[in-house]
Full PDB file with SEQRES, HELIX, SHEET, SSBOND, CRYST1, ORIGX, SCALE, CONECT and MASTER records, all heavy atoms in Angstrom:
SEQRES   1 A   39  THR PRO GLU ILE TRP SER ASN TRP GLN GLU PHE GLU ARG          
SEQRES   2 A   39  LEU SER MET ASP LEU GLU LEU TYR ALA ALA ALA LEU GLY          
SEQRES   3 A   39  ARG ALA ALA ASP LYS GLY LEU ALA HIS SER ALA SER GLY          
HELIX    1 AA1 GLU A    3  SER A    6  1                                   4    
HELIX    2 AA2 TRP A    8  ALA A   28  1                                  21    
HELIX    3 AA3 ALA A   29  LYS A   31  5                                   3    
CRYST1    1.000    1.000    1.000  90.00  90.00  90.00 P 1           1          
ORIGX1      1.000000  0.000000  0.000000        0.00000                         
ORIGX2      0.000000  1.000000  0.000000        0.00000                         
ORIGX3      0.000000  0.000000  1.000000        0.00000                         
SCALE1      1.000000  0.000000  0.000000        0.00000                         
SCALE2      0.000000  1.000000  0.000000        0.00000                         
SCALE3      0.000000  0.000000  1.000000        0.00000                         
ATOM      1  N   THR A   1     -11.230  -5.800  15.126  1.00  0.00           N  
ATOM      2  CA  THR A   1     -12.180  -4.982  15.796  1.00  0.00           C  
ATOM      3  C   THR A   1     -13.536  -5.035  15.070  1.00  0.00           C  
ATOM      4  O   THR A   1     -13.610  -5.098  13.833  1.00  0.00           O  
ATOM      5  CB  THR A   1     -11.676  -3.606  16.021  1.00  0.00           C  
ATOM      6  OG1 THR A   1     -11.612  -2.931  14.854  1.00  0.00           O  
ATOM      7  CG2 THR A   1     -10.356  -3.553  16.750  1.00  0.00           C  
ATOM      8  N   PRO A   2     -14.669  -4.693  15.729  1.00  0.00           N  
ATOM      9  CA  PRO A   2     -15.928  -4.647  15.139  1.00  0.00           C  
ATOM     10  C   PRO A   2     -16.009  -3.480  14.129  1.00  0.00           C  
ATOM     11  O   PRO A   2     -16.880  -3.507  13.255  1.00  0.00           O  
ATOM     12  CB  PRO A   2     -16.931  -4.412  16.245  1.00  0.00           C  
ATOM     13  CG  PRO A   2     -16.279  -4.864  17.513  1.00  0.00           C  
ATOM     14  CD  PRO A   2     -14.793  -4.553  17.200  1.00  0.00           C  
ATOM     15  N   GLU A   3     -15.113  -2.504  14.225  1.00  0.00           N  
ATOM     16  CA  GLU A   3     -15.119  -1.336  13.299  1.00  0.00           C  
ATOM     17  C   GLU A   3     -14.934  -1.754  11.870  1.00  0.00           C  
ATOM     18  O   GLU A   3     -15.261  -1.034  10.983  1.00  0.00           O  
ATOM     19  CB  GLU A   3     -14.005  -0.355  13.721  1.00  0.00           C  
ATOM     20  CG  GLU A   3     -14.406   0.495  14.993  1.00  0.00           C  
ATOM     21  CD  GLU A   3     -14.275  -0.243  16.245  1.00  0.00           C  
ATOM     22  OE1 GLU A   3     -13.539  -1.325  16.330  1.00  0.00           O  
ATOM     23  OE2 GLU A   3     -14.921   0.149  17.257  1.00  0.00           O  
ATOM     24  N   ILE A   4     -14.303  -2.952  11.645  1.00  0.00           N  
ATOM     25  CA  ILE A   4     -14.112  -3.483  10.191  1.00  0.00           C  
ATOM     26  C   ILE A   4     -15.488  -3.438   9.538  1.00  0.00           C  
ATOM     27  O   ILE A   4     -15.643  -2.935   8.435  1.00  0.00           O  
ATOM     28  CB  ILE A   4     -13.424  -4.841  10.119  1.00  0.00           C  
ATOM     29  CG1 ILE A   4     -11.978  -4.704  10.519  1.00  0.00           C  
ATOM     30  CG2 ILE A   4     -13.661  -5.481   8.832  1.00  0.00           C  
ATOM     31  CD1 ILE A   4     -11.298  -6.058  10.633  1.00  0.00           C  
ATOM     32  N   TRP A   5     -16.498  -3.929  10.257  1.00  0.00           N  
ATOM     33  CA  TRP A   5     -17.829  -4.079   9.516  1.00  0.00           C  
ATOM     34  C   TRP A   5     -18.641  -2.872   9.635  1.00  0.00           C  
ATOM     35  O   TRP A   5     -19.472  -2.581   8.860  1.00  0.00           O  
ATOM     36  CB  TRP A   5     -18.558  -5.250  10.169  1.00  0.00           C  
ATOM     37  CG  TRP A   5     -17.728  -6.467   9.963  1.00  0.00           C  
ATOM     38  CD1 TRP A   5     -17.697  -7.264   8.765  1.00  0.00           C  
ATOM     39  CD2 TRP A   5     -16.814  -7.241  10.865  1.00  0.00           C  
ATOM     40  NE1 TRP A   5     -16.743  -8.298   8.813  1.00  0.00           N  
ATOM     41  CE2 TRP A   5     -16.261  -8.316  10.127  1.00  0.00           C  
ATOM     42  CE3 TRP A   5     -16.436  -6.970  12.061  1.00  0.00           C  
ATOM     43  CZ2 TRP A   5     -15.250  -9.165  10.653  1.00  0.00           C  
ATOM     44  CZ3 TRP A   5     -15.477  -7.795  12.637  1.00  0.00           C  
ATOM     45  CH2 TRP A   5     -14.942  -8.856  11.923  1.00  0.00           C  
ATOM     46  N   SER A   6     -18.386  -1.961  10.659  1.00  0.00           N  
ATOM     47  CA  SER A   6     -19.100  -0.668  10.672  1.00  0.00           C  
ATOM     48  C   SER A   6     -18.521   0.320   9.757  1.00  0.00           C  
ATOM     49  O   SER A   6     -19.080   1.271   9.456  1.00  0.00           O  
ATOM     50  CB  SER A   6     -19.302  -0.191  12.057  1.00  0.00           C  
ATOM     51  OG  SER A   6     -18.002   0.133  12.664  1.00  0.00           O  
ATOM     52  N   ASN A   7     -17.271   0.143   9.355  1.00  0.00           N  
ATOM     53  CA  ASN A   7     -16.519   1.036   8.431  1.00  0.00           C  
ATOM     54  C   ASN A   7     -15.957   0.276   7.243  1.00  0.00           C  
ATOM     55  O   ASN A   7     -14.752   0.338   7.021  1.00  0.00           O  
ATOM     56  CB  ASN A   7     -15.514   1.776   9.299  1.00  0.00           C  
ATOM     57  CG  ASN A   7     -14.939   2.944   8.466  1.00  0.00           C  
ATOM     58  OD1 ASN A   7     -15.364   3.280   7.360  1.00  0.00           O  
ATOM     59  ND2 ASN A   7     -14.110   3.673   9.139  1.00  0.00           N  
ATOM     60  N   TRP A   8     -16.797  -0.634   6.709  1.00  0.00           N  
ATOM     61  CA  TRP A   8     -16.339  -1.530   5.725  1.00  0.00           C  
ATOM     62  C   TRP A   8     -15.665  -0.829   4.533  1.00  0.00           C  
ATOM     63  O   TRP A   8     -14.743  -1.319   3.966  1.00  0.00           O  
ATOM     64  CB  TRP A   8     -17.488  -2.468   5.234  1.00  0.00           C  
ATOM     65  CG  TRP A   8     -17.132  -3.434   4.227  1.00  0.00           C  
ATOM     66  CD1 TRP A   8     -17.213  -3.385   2.831  1.00  0.00           C  
ATOM     67  CD2 TRP A   8     -16.358  -4.646   4.477  1.00  0.00           C  
ATOM     68  NE1 TRP A   8     -16.708  -4.506   2.275  1.00  0.00           N  
ATOM     69  CE2 TRP A   8     -16.119  -5.269   3.270  1.00  0.00           C  
ATOM     70  CE3 TRP A   8     -15.876  -5.228   5.693  1.00  0.00           C  
ATOM     71  CZ2 TRP A   8     -15.451  -6.546   3.189  1.00  0.00           C  
ATOM     72  CZ3 TRP A   8     -15.202  -6.427   5.633  1.00  0.00           C  
ATOM     73  CH2 TRP A   8     -14.990  -7.033   4.328  1.00  0.00           C  
ATOM     74  N   GLN A   9     -16.245   0.324   4.088  1.00  0.00           N  
ATOM     75  CA  GLN A   9     -15.706   1.007   2.891  1.00  0.00           C  
ATOM     76  C   GLN A   9     -14.170   1.442   3.135  1.00  0.00           C  
ATOM     77  O   GLN A   9     -13.424   1.281   2.285  1.00  0.00           O  
ATOM     78  CB  GLN A   9     -16.518   2.170   2.481  1.00  0.00           C  
ATOM     79  CG  GLN A   9     -17.788   1.855   1.938  1.00  0.00           C  
ATOM     80  CD  GLN A   9     -18.583   3.078   1.450  1.00  0.00           C  
ATOM     81  OE1 GLN A   9     -18.605   4.082   2.150  1.00  0.00           O  
ATOM     82  NE2 GLN A   9     -19.229   3.050   0.302  1.00  0.00           N  
ATOM     83  N   GLU A  10     -13.861   1.845   4.244  1.00  0.00           N  
ATOM     84  CA  GLU A  10     -12.597   2.254   4.743  1.00  0.00           C  
ATOM     85  C   GLU A  10     -11.581   1.021   4.663  1.00  0.00           C  
ATOM     86  O   GLU A  10     -10.488   1.016   4.141  1.00  0.00           O  
ATOM     87  CB  GLU A  10     -12.478   3.002   6.017  1.00  0.00           C  
ATOM     88  CG  GLU A  10     -11.119   3.283   6.492  1.00  0.00           C  
ATOM     89  CD  GLU A  10     -10.450   4.490   5.694  1.00  0.00           C  
ATOM     90  OE1 GLU A  10     -11.046   5.038   4.875  1.00  0.00           O  
ATOM     91  OE2 GLU A  10      -9.202   4.784   6.075  1.00  0.00           O  
ATOM     92  N   PHE A  11     -12.107  -0.046   5.235  1.00  0.00           N  
ATOM     93  CA  PHE A  11     -11.322  -1.288   5.353  1.00  0.00           C  
ATOM     94  C   PHE A  11     -11.050  -1.890   3.874  1.00  0.00           C  
ATOM     95  O   PHE A  11      -9.979  -2.144   3.523  1.00  0.00           O  
ATOM     96  CB  PHE A  11     -12.026  -2.359   6.168  1.00  0.00           C  
ATOM     97  CG  PHE A  11     -11.411  -3.674   6.148  1.00  0.00           C  
ATOM     98  CD1 PHE A  11     -10.172  -3.872   6.939  1.00  0.00           C  
ATOM     99  CD2 PHE A  11     -11.917  -4.768   5.579  1.00  0.00           C  
ATOM    100  CE1 PHE A  11      -9.511  -5.105   7.024  1.00  0.00           C  
ATOM    101  CE2 PHE A  11     -11.251  -6.047   5.573  1.00  0.00           C  
ATOM    102  CZ  PHE A  11     -10.101  -6.120   6.314  1.00  0.00           C  
ATOM    103  N   GLU A  12     -12.053  -1.819   3.038  1.00  0.00           N  
ATOM    104  CA  GLU A  12     -11.963  -2.239   1.744  1.00  0.00           C  
ATOM    105  C   GLU A  12     -10.983  -1.330   0.953  1.00  0.00           C  
ATOM    106  O   GLU A  12     -10.168  -1.850   0.181  1.00  0.00           O  
ATOM    107  CB  GLU A  12     -13.412  -2.256   1.060  1.00  0.00           C  
ATOM    108  CG  GLU A  12     -13.350  -2.830  -0.307  1.00  0.00           C  
ATOM    109  CD  GLU A  12     -14.871  -3.053  -0.864  1.00  0.00           C  
ATOM    110  OE1 GLU A  12     -15.563  -2.035  -0.727  1.00  0.00           O  
ATOM    111  OE2 GLU A  12     -15.117  -4.078  -1.328  1.00  0.00           O  
ATOM    112  N   ARG A  13     -11.082  -0.031   1.112  1.00  0.00           N  
ATOM    113  CA  ARG A  13     -10.201   0.830   0.447  1.00  0.00           C  
ATOM    114  C   ARG A  13      -8.717   0.576   0.835  1.00  0.00           C  
ATOM    115  O   ARG A  13      -7.895   0.562  -0.005  1.00  0.00           O  
ATOM    116  CB  ARG A  13     -10.564   2.319   0.803  1.00  0.00           C  
ATOM    117  CG  ARG A  13      -9.686   3.254  -0.010  1.00  0.00           C  
ATOM    118  CD  ARG A  13      -9.864   4.753   0.421  1.00  0.00           C  
ATOM    119  NE  ARG A  13      -9.489   4.956   1.879  1.00  0.00           N  
ATOM    120  CZ  ARG A  13      -8.190   5.102   2.268  1.00  0.00           C  
ATOM    121  NH1 ARG A  13      -7.160   4.990   1.471  1.00  0.00           N  
ATOM    122  NH2 ARG A  13      -7.996   5.221   3.544  1.00  0.00           N  
ATOM    123  N   LEU A  14      -8.458   0.394   2.071  1.00  0.00           N  
ATOM    124  CA  LEU A  14      -7.125   0.146   2.517  1.00  0.00           C  
ATOM    125  C   LEU A  14      -6.512  -1.225   1.955  1.00  0.00           C  
ATOM    126  O   LEU A  14      -5.472  -1.261   1.550  1.00  0.00           O  
ATOM    127  CB  LEU A  14      -6.968   0.058   4.042  1.00  0.00           C  
ATOM    128  CG  LEU A  14      -7.165   1.399   4.778  1.00  0.00           C  
ATOM    129  CD1 LEU A  14      -7.371   1.252   6.299  1.00  0.00           C  
ATOM    130  CD2 LEU A  14      -5.974   2.363   4.464  1.00  0.00           C  
ATOM    131  N   SER A  15      -7.492  -2.156   1.884  1.00  0.00           N  
ATOM    132  CA  SER A  15      -7.033  -3.362   1.241  1.00  0.00           C  
ATOM    133  C   SER A  15      -6.796  -3.296  -0.212  1.00  0.00           C  
ATOM    134  O   SER A  15      -5.770  -3.934  -0.745  1.00  0.00           O  
ATOM    135  CB  SER A  15      -8.210  -4.516   1.550  1.00  0.00           C  
ATOM    136  OG  SER A  15      -7.848  -5.769   0.950  1.00  0.00           O  
ATOM    137  N   MET A  16      -7.558  -2.527  -0.899  1.00  0.00           N  
ATOM    138  CA  MET A  16      -7.351  -2.287  -2.358  1.00  0.00           C  
ATOM    139  C   MET A  16      -6.002  -1.446  -2.547  1.00  0.00           C  
ATOM    140  O   MET A  16      -5.229  -1.705  -3.551  1.00  0.00           O  
ATOM    141  CB  MET A  16      -8.507  -1.601  -2.961  1.00  0.00           C  
ATOM    142  CG  MET A  16      -9.807  -2.474  -2.923  1.00  0.00           C  
ATOM    143  SD  MET A  16      -9.614  -4.038  -3.701  1.00  0.00           S  
ATOM    144  CE  MET A  16     -11.101  -4.842  -3.120  1.00  0.00           C  
ATOM    145  N   ASP A  17      -5.894  -0.487  -1.661  1.00  0.00           N  
ATOM    146  CA  ASP A  17      -4.599   0.273  -1.711  1.00  0.00           C  
ATOM    147  C   ASP A  17      -3.371  -0.616  -1.576  1.00  0.00           C  
ATOM    148  O   ASP A  17      -2.361  -0.444  -2.316  1.00  0.00           O  
ATOM    149  CB  ASP A  17      -4.519   1.411  -0.645  1.00  0.00           C  
ATOM    150  CG  ASP A  17      -5.477   2.571  -0.931  1.00  0.00           C  
ATOM    151  OD1 ASP A  17      -6.008   2.684  -2.064  1.00  0.00           O  
ATOM    152  OD2 ASP A  17      -5.669   3.362   0.067  1.00  0.00           O  
ATOM    153  N   LEU A  18      -3.425  -1.502  -0.606  1.00  0.00           N  
ATOM    154  CA  LEU A  18      -2.354  -2.350  -0.356  1.00  0.00           C  
ATOM    155  C   LEU A  18      -2.027  -3.212  -1.613  1.00  0.00           C  
ATOM    156  O   LEU A  18      -0.866  -3.390  -1.975  1.00  0.00           O  
ATOM    157  CB  LEU A  18      -2.644  -3.355   0.903  1.00  0.00           C  
ATOM    158  CG  LEU A  18      -1.606  -4.441   1.129  1.00  0.00           C  
ATOM    159  CD1 LEU A  18      -0.245  -3.770   1.532  1.00  0.00           C  
ATOM    160  CD2 LEU A  18      -2.077  -5.298   2.301  1.00  0.00           C  
ATOM    161  N   GLU A  19      -3.038  -3.732  -2.227  1.00  0.00           N  
ATOM    162  CA  GLU A  19      -2.906  -4.545  -3.453  1.00  0.00           C  
ATOM    163  C   GLU A  19      -2.221  -3.665  -4.481  1.00  0.00           C  
ATOM    164  O   GLU A  19      -1.312  -4.089  -5.205  1.00  0.00           O  
ATOM    165  CB  GLU A  19      -4.330  -4.984  -3.932  1.00  0.00           C  
ATOM    166  CG  GLU A  19      -4.165  -5.888  -5.270  1.00  0.00           C  
ATOM    167  CD  GLU A  19      -5.583  -6.466  -5.607  1.00  0.00           C  
ATOM    168  OE1 GLU A  19      -6.565  -5.632  -5.487  1.00  0.00           O  
ATOM    169  OE2 GLU A  19      -5.571  -7.615  -5.955  1.00  0.00           O  
ATOM    170  N   LEU A  20      -2.709  -2.379  -4.706  1.00  0.00           N  
ATOM    171  CA  LEU A  20      -2.107  -1.533  -5.690  1.00  0.00           C  
ATOM    172  C   LEU A  20      -0.653  -1.092  -5.421  1.00  0.00           C  
ATOM    173  O   LEU A  20       0.245  -1.251  -6.332  1.00  0.00           O  
ATOM    174  CB  LEU A  20      -2.963  -0.263  -5.664  1.00  0.00           C  
ATOM    175  CG  LEU A  20      -2.438   0.973  -6.699  1.00  0.00           C  
ATOM    176  CD1 LEU A  20      -2.632   0.530  -8.096  1.00  0.00           C  
ATOM    177  CD2 LEU A  20      -3.307   2.165  -6.270  1.00  0.00           C  
ATOM    178  N   TYR A  21      -0.295  -0.797  -4.162  1.00  0.00           N  
ATOM    179  CA  TYR A  21       1.002  -0.482  -3.815  1.00  0.00           C  
ATOM    180  C   TYR A  21       1.991  -1.644  -3.937  1.00  0.00           C  
ATOM    181  O   TYR A  21       3.121  -1.512  -4.328  1.00  0.00           O  
ATOM    182  CB  TYR A  21       1.060   0.216  -2.331  1.00  0.00           C  
ATOM    183  CG  TYR A  21       0.314   1.417  -2.347  1.00  0.00           C  
ATOM    184  CD1 TYR A  21      -0.284   1.811  -1.079  1.00  0.00           C  
ATOM    185  CD2 TYR A  21       0.068   2.282  -3.395  1.00  0.00           C  
ATOM    186  CE1 TYR A  21      -1.013   2.936  -0.939  1.00  0.00           C  
ATOM    187  CE2 TYR A  21      -0.751   3.378  -3.207  1.00  0.00           C  
ATOM    188  CZ  TYR A  21      -1.187   3.778  -1.964  1.00  0.00           C  
ATOM    189  OH  TYR A  21      -1.922   4.901  -1.936  1.00  0.00           O  
ATOM    190  N   ALA A  22       1.525  -2.860  -3.634  1.00  0.00           N  
ATOM    191  CA  ALA A  22       2.310  -4.066  -3.755  1.00  0.00           C  
ATOM    192  C   ALA A  22       2.620  -4.274  -5.142  1.00  0.00           C  
ATOM    193  O   ALA A  22       3.678  -4.698  -5.521  1.00  0.00           O  
ATOM    194  CB  ALA A  22       1.575  -5.218  -3.039  1.00  0.00           C  
ATOM    195  N   ALA A  23       1.602  -4.141  -6.057  1.00  0.00           N  
ATOM    196  CA  ALA A  23       1.802  -4.366  -7.399  1.00  0.00           C  
ATOM    197  C   ALA A  23       2.808  -3.308  -7.938  1.00  0.00           C  
ATOM    198  O   ALA A  23       3.706  -3.757  -8.724  1.00  0.00           O  
ATOM    199  CB  ALA A  23       0.495  -4.163  -8.193  1.00  0.00           C  
ATOM    200  N   ALA A  24       2.743  -2.036  -7.610  1.00  0.00           N  
ATOM    201  CA  ALA A  24       3.653  -1.183  -8.110  1.00  0.00           C  
ATOM    202  C   ALA A  24       5.093  -1.437  -7.493  1.00  0.00           C  
ATOM    203  O   ALA A  24       6.097  -1.273  -8.248  1.00  0.00           O  
ATOM    204  CB  ALA A  24       3.295   0.255  -7.692  1.00  0.00           C  
ATOM    205  N   LEU A  25       5.157  -1.877  -6.298  1.00  0.00           N  
ATOM    206  CA  LEU A  25       6.444  -2.223  -5.602  1.00  0.00           C  
ATOM    207  C   LEU A  25       7.105  -3.257  -6.481  1.00  0.00           C  
ATOM    208  O   LEU A  25       8.298  -3.218  -6.792  1.00  0.00           O  
ATOM    209  CB  LEU A  25       6.246  -2.658  -4.195  1.00  0.00           C  
ATOM    210  CG  LEU A  25       7.513  -3.057  -3.397  1.00  0.00           C  
ATOM    211  CD1 LEU A  25       8.445  -1.913  -3.292  1.00  0.00           C  
ATOM    212  CD2 LEU A  25       7.063  -3.524  -1.941  1.00  0.00           C  
ATOM    213  N   GLY A  26       6.350  -4.302  -6.839  1.00  0.00           N  
ATOM    214  CA  GLY A  26       6.982  -5.392  -7.603  1.00  0.00           C  
ATOM    215  C   GLY A  26       7.465  -4.929  -9.008  1.00  0.00           C  
ATOM    216  O   GLY A  26       8.428  -5.409  -9.412  1.00  0.00           O  
ATOM    217  N   ARG A  27       6.719  -4.019  -9.660  1.00  0.00           N  
ATOM    218  CA  ARG A  27       7.072  -3.464 -10.872  1.00  0.00           C  
ATOM    219  C   ARG A  27       8.334  -2.599 -10.864  1.00  0.00           C  
ATOM    220  O   ARG A  27       9.084  -2.623 -11.716  1.00  0.00           O  
ATOM    221  CB  ARG A  27       5.931  -2.825 -11.507  1.00  0.00           C  
ATOM    222  CG  ARG A  27       4.844  -3.668 -12.056  1.00  0.00           C  
ATOM    223  CD  ARG A  27       3.734  -2.765 -12.727  1.00  0.00           C  
ATOM    224  NE  ARG A  27       2.785  -3.649 -13.365  1.00  0.00           N  
ATOM    225  CZ  ARG A  27       1.568  -3.859 -12.887  1.00  0.00           C  
ATOM    226  NH1 ARG A  27       1.139  -3.271 -11.778  1.00  0.00           N  
ATOM    227  NH2 ARG A  27       0.689  -4.669 -13.433  1.00  0.00           N  
ATOM    228  N   ALA A  28       8.532  -1.944  -9.645  1.00  0.00           N  
ATOM    229  CA  ALA A  28       9.634  -1.088  -9.539  1.00  0.00           C  
ATOM    230  C   ALA A  28      10.886  -1.751  -8.965  1.00  0.00           C  
ATOM    231  O   ALA A  28      12.017  -1.121  -8.937  1.00  0.00           O  
ATOM    232  CB  ALA A  28       9.194   0.051  -8.530  1.00  0.00           C  
ATOM    233  N   ALA A  29      10.879  -2.961  -8.599  1.00  0.00           N  
ATOM    234  CA  ALA A  29      11.893  -3.726  -7.925  1.00  0.00           C  
ATOM    235  C   ALA A  29      13.284  -3.562  -8.549  1.00  0.00           C  
ATOM    236  O   ALA A  29      14.257  -3.399  -8.033  1.00  0.00           O  
ATOM    237  CB  ALA A  29      11.469  -5.080  -7.696  1.00  0.00           C  
ATOM    238  N   ASP A  30      13.320  -3.668  -9.929  1.00  0.00           N  
ATOM    239  CA  ASP A  30      14.568  -3.595 -10.604  1.00  0.00           C  
ATOM    240  C   ASP A  30      15.293  -2.218 -10.608  1.00  0.00           C  
ATOM    241  O   ASP A  30      16.445  -2.207 -10.879  1.00  0.00           O  
ATOM    242  CB  ASP A  30      14.360  -4.008 -12.086  1.00  0.00           C  
ATOM    243  CG  ASP A  30      14.125  -5.479 -12.289  1.00  0.00           C  
ATOM    244  OD1 ASP A  30      14.680  -6.249 -11.440  1.00  0.00           O  
ATOM    245  OD2 ASP A  30      13.435  -5.870 -13.178  1.00  0.00           O  
ATOM    246  N   LYS A  31      14.575  -1.181 -10.181  1.00  0.00           N  
ATOM    247  CA  LYS A  31      15.236   0.164 -10.082  1.00  0.00           C  
ATOM    248  C   LYS A  31      16.145   0.244  -8.955  1.00  0.00           C  
ATOM    249  O   LYS A  31      17.103   1.093  -8.926  1.00  0.00           O  
ATOM    250  CB  LYS A  31      14.099   1.260  -9.990  1.00  0.00           C  
ATOM    251  CG  LYS A  31      13.291   1.284 -11.197  1.00  0.00           C  
ATOM    252  CD  LYS A  31      12.292   2.485 -11.211  1.00  0.00           C  
ATOM    253  CE  LYS A  31      11.942   2.971  -9.933  1.00  0.00           C  
ATOM    254  NZ  LYS A  31      10.930   4.034  -9.935  1.00  0.00           N  
ATOM    255  N   GLY A  32      16.001  -0.651  -7.949  1.00  0.00           N  
ATOM    256  CA  GLY A  32      16.866  -0.468  -6.802  1.00  0.00           C  
ATOM    257  C   GLY A  32      16.537   0.650  -5.871  1.00  0.00           C  
ATOM    258  O   GLY A  32      15.461   1.319  -6.070  1.00  0.00           O  
ATOM    259  N   LEU A  33      17.320   0.914  -4.892  1.00  0.00           N  
ATOM    260  CA  LEU A  33      17.024   1.940  -4.010  1.00  0.00           C  
ATOM    261  C   LEU A  33      17.603   3.273  -4.455  1.00  0.00           C  
ATOM    262  O   LEU A  33      18.693   3.374  -4.951  1.00  0.00           O  
ATOM    263  CB  LEU A  33      17.660   1.654  -2.573  1.00  0.00           C  
ATOM    264  CG  LEU A  33      17.108   0.378  -1.966  1.00  0.00           C  
ATOM    265  CD1 LEU A  33      17.840   0.099  -0.658  1.00  0.00           C  
ATOM    266  CD2 LEU A  33      15.643   0.423  -1.632  1.00  0.00           C  
ATOM    267  N   ALA A  34      16.865   4.451  -4.217  1.00  0.00           N  
ATOM    268  CA  ALA A  34      17.265   5.804  -4.558  1.00  0.00           C  
ATOM    269  C   ALA A  34      18.075   6.382  -3.498  1.00  0.00           C  
ATOM    270  O   ALA A  34      19.059   7.088  -3.716  1.00  0.00           O  
ATOM    271  CB  ALA A  34      16.058   6.666  -4.863  1.00  0.00           C  
ATOM    272  N   HIS A  35      17.865   5.976  -2.250  1.00  0.00           N  
ATOM    273  CA  HIS A  35      18.629   6.371  -0.968  1.00  0.00           C  
ATOM    274  C   HIS A  35      18.732   7.870  -1.012  1.00  0.00           C  
ATOM    275  O   HIS A  35      19.927   8.421  -1.163  1.00  0.00           O  
ATOM    276  CB  HIS A  35      19.955   5.715  -0.829  1.00  0.00           C  
ATOM    277  CG  HIS A  35      19.680   4.342  -0.165  1.00  0.00           C  
ATOM    278  ND1 HIS A  35      19.201   4.150   1.109  1.00  0.00           N  
ATOM    279  CD2 HIS A  35      20.043   3.097  -0.701  1.00  0.00           C  
ATOM    280  CE1 HIS A  35      19.044   2.878   1.349  1.00  0.00           C  
ATOM    281  NE2 HIS A  35      19.602   2.273   0.222  1.00  0.00           N  
ATOM    282  N   SER A  36      17.747   8.658  -0.751  1.00  0.00           N  
ATOM    283  CA  SER A  36      17.820  10.086  -0.548  1.00  0.00           C  
ATOM    284  C   SER A  36      18.400  10.411   0.795  1.00  0.00           C  
ATOM    285  O   SER A  36      17.645  10.227   1.747  1.00  0.00           O  
ATOM    286  CB  SER A  36      16.417  10.707  -0.794  1.00  0.00           C  
ATOM    287  OG  SER A  36      16.556  12.106  -0.479  1.00  0.00           O  
ATOM    288  N   ALA A  37      19.647  10.726   0.994  1.00  0.00           N  
ATOM    289  CA  ALA A  37      20.248  10.848   2.280  1.00  0.00           C  
ATOM    290  C   ALA A  37      19.646  11.919   3.062  1.00  0.00           C  
ATOM    291  O   ALA A  37      19.456  11.805   4.304  1.00  0.00           O  
ATOM    292  CB  ALA A  37      21.771  11.123   2.084  1.00  0.00           C  
ATOM    293  N   SER A  38      19.338  13.135   2.432  1.00  0.00           N  
ATOM    294  CA  SER A  38      18.845  14.211   3.265  1.00  0.00           C  
ATOM    295  C   SER A  38      17.320  14.231   3.396  1.00  0.00           C  
ATOM    296  O   SER A  38      16.812  14.823   4.194  1.00  0.00           O  
ATOM    297  CB  SER A  38      19.205  15.501   2.689  1.00  0.00           C  
ATOM    298  OG  SER A  38      18.622  15.693   1.354  1.00  0.00           O  
ATOM    299  N   GLY A  39      16.624  13.386   2.504  1.00  0.00           N  
ATOM    300  CA  GLY A  39      15.100  13.413   2.508  1.00  0.00           C  
ATOM    301  C   GLY A  39      14.522  14.646   1.911  1.00  0.00           C  
ATOM    302  O   GLY A  39      13.477  14.961   2.149  1.00  0.00           O  
TER     303      GLY A  39                                                      
MASTER        0    0    0    3    0    0    0    6  302    1    0    3          
END                                                                             
């Protein structure tokens, strides 16, 4: 949508967040799932 360019900072922040969370996910992979049944 054209909003990407009119709200570039938000789009860029989300892209950087994705990179950060993906990096953390890769680092945490060996821990396995915690599976909190009740939340």
